[in-house]
Protein backbone atom coordinates (compact mmCIF):
# COMPACT_ATOMS: atom_id res chain seq x y z
CA MET A 1 -11.14 15.96 -1.55
CA PRO A 2 -10.17 12.63 -3.16
CA LEU A 3 -6.66 11.21 -3.03
CA THR A 4 -5.73 8.54 -5.56
CA VAL A 5 -3.77 5.70 -3.98
CA LYS A 6 -1.86 3.28 -6.20
CA PHE A 7 -0.98 -0.03 -4.54
CA HIS A 8 1.99 -2.07 -5.78
CA LEU A 9 2.05 -5.66 -4.51
CA LEU A 10 5.68 -6.82 -4.46
CA GLY A 11 6.70 -10.46 -4.78
CA GLU A 12 9.61 -12.22 -3.09
CA ASP A 13 11.87 -10.92 -5.88
CA GLN A 14 10.77 -7.34 -4.99
CA LYS A 15 9.20 -6.93 -8.44
CA VAL A 16 5.68 -5.56 -8.80
CA LYS A 17 3.19 -8.40 -9.28
CA VAL A 18 -0.16 -6.59 -9.07
CA ILE A 19 -1.16 -2.92 -9.24
CA ARG A 20 -4.53 -1.57 -8.06
CA LYS A 21 -5.85 1.98 -7.62
CA ILE A 22 -8.46 3.46 -5.31
CA GLU A 23 -9.62 6.90 -4.23
CA LEU A 24 -9.80 7.94 -0.58
CA ASP A 25 -11.56 10.98 0.83
CA ILE A 26 -8.57 12.77 2.33
CA TYR A 27 -10.72 14.41 5.02
CA VAL A 28 -12.57 11.28 6.14
CA GLU A 29 -10.51 8.21 5.24
CA ASN A 30 -6.94 9.48 5.66
CA THR A 31 -5.75 7.17 8.45
CA PHE A 32 -3.27 4.33 8.45
CA GLU A 33 -5.88 1.90 9.78
CA ILE A 34 -8.32 2.68 6.96
CA LEU A 35 -5.56 2.35 4.37
CA LEU A 36 -4.54 -1.00 5.84
CA GLU A 37 -8.16 -2.18 5.78
CA ARG A 38 -8.41 -1.24 2.10
CA VAL A 39 -5.24 -3.24 1.36
CA GLN A 40 -6.70 -6.22 3.21
CA ASP A 41 -9.95 -5.96 1.23
CA LEU A 42 -8.34 -5.42 -2.20
CA PHE A 43 -5.64 -8.06 -1.93
CA ASN A 44 -7.12 -10.50 0.58
CA LEU A 45 -4.03 -10.09 2.76
CA PRO A 46 -3.94 -10.47 6.56
CA ALA A 47 -2.60 -7.27 8.18
CA ASP A 48 -0.14 -9.17 10.37
CA LYS A 49 1.58 -10.65 7.30
CA ILE A 50 2.33 -7.43 5.37
CA SER A 51 4.19 -4.13 5.66
CA LEU A 52 3.41 -0.90 3.79
CA PHE A 53 6.02 1.42 2.26
CA TYR A 54 6.33 4.61 0.20
CA LYS A 55 9.31 5.87 -1.83
CA ASP A 56 11.10 8.94 -0.52
CA ASP A 57 13.00 11.60 -2.49
CA ASP A 58 16.07 9.33 -2.60
CA GLY A 59 14.06 6.45 -4.07
CA ASP A 60 14.30 4.42 -0.86
CA LEU A 61 11.33 2.37 0.34
CA VAL A 62 10.28 3.76 3.72
CA MET A 63 8.01 1.65 5.92
CA PHE A 64 5.09 3.40 7.59
CA VAL A 65 2.95 2.15 10.47
CA SER A 66 1.16 5.26 11.73
CA ASP A 67 -0.97 8.19 10.54
CA GLU A 68 1.96 10.58 10.97
CA GLU A 69 4.36 8.45 8.90
CA MET A 70 1.70 7.93 6.23
CA ARG A 71 1.10 11.69 5.93
CA ILE A 72 4.86 12.27 5.54
CA GLY A 73 4.75 9.85 2.62
CA GLN A 74 1.72 11.59 1.14
CA ARG A 75 3.45 14.99 1.31
CA ASN A 76 6.53 13.40 -0.28
CA ARG A 77 4.68 12.31 -3.44
CA LYS A 78 5.66 13.91 -6.73
CA ALA A 79 2.30 13.56 -8.44
CA ASP A 80 -1.39 13.53 -7.55
CA THR A 81 -1.11 9.83 -6.70
CA PHE A 82 0.17 8.34 -3.43
CA SER A 83 2.04 5.13 -4.29
CA VAL A 84 2.04 2.43 -1.62
CA TYR A 85 4.25 -0.66 -1.86
CA ILE A 86 3.14 -3.87 -0.12
CA LYS A 87 5.67 -6.46 1.05
CA GLY A 88 5.27 -9.70 2.96
CA LYS A 89 6.71 -9.90 6.49
CA ASP A 90 9.17 -12.56 7.67
CA GLY A 91 9.49 -14.27 4.31
CA THR A 92 5.73 -14.32 3.66
CA ASN A 93 5.05 -14.18 -0.06
CA PRO A 94 2.06 -11.85 -0.46
CA ARG A 95 1.49 -13.26 -3.94
CA SER A 96 0.37 -16.52 -2.32
CA PHE A 97 -2.81 -14.65 -1.30
CA LYS A 98 -5.37 -14.21 -4.04
CA PRO A 99 -6.47 -10.58 -4.62
CA THR A 100 -10.21 -10.04 -4.53
CA GLY A 101 -11.88 -9.60 -7.89
CA PHE A 102 -9.54 -12.06 -9.63
CA SER A 103 -11.04 -15.22 -11.03
CA HIS A 104 -7.83 -17.07 -11.89
């Protein structure tokens, strides 16, 4: 069963800079490690420089770092799409990394 994942790359100003979508097979690819690998591939971001978040019912960004936390976020979604927000760690600006598939 496919799950659509919508990635929002946030800049230093916390505004969305790039949005990308993928589909994951929820029965095969539904692990935090696989999701993190997909982020690395899509955005050309090193895993140790980023954190992943979802929005909860209150609209707060909640960081997740495990399969269990990721599944809580997936159950919390309001639509058929799981939205993931990507932020740089320790002042790293993820926008300084060039997403794959972009020529400019």
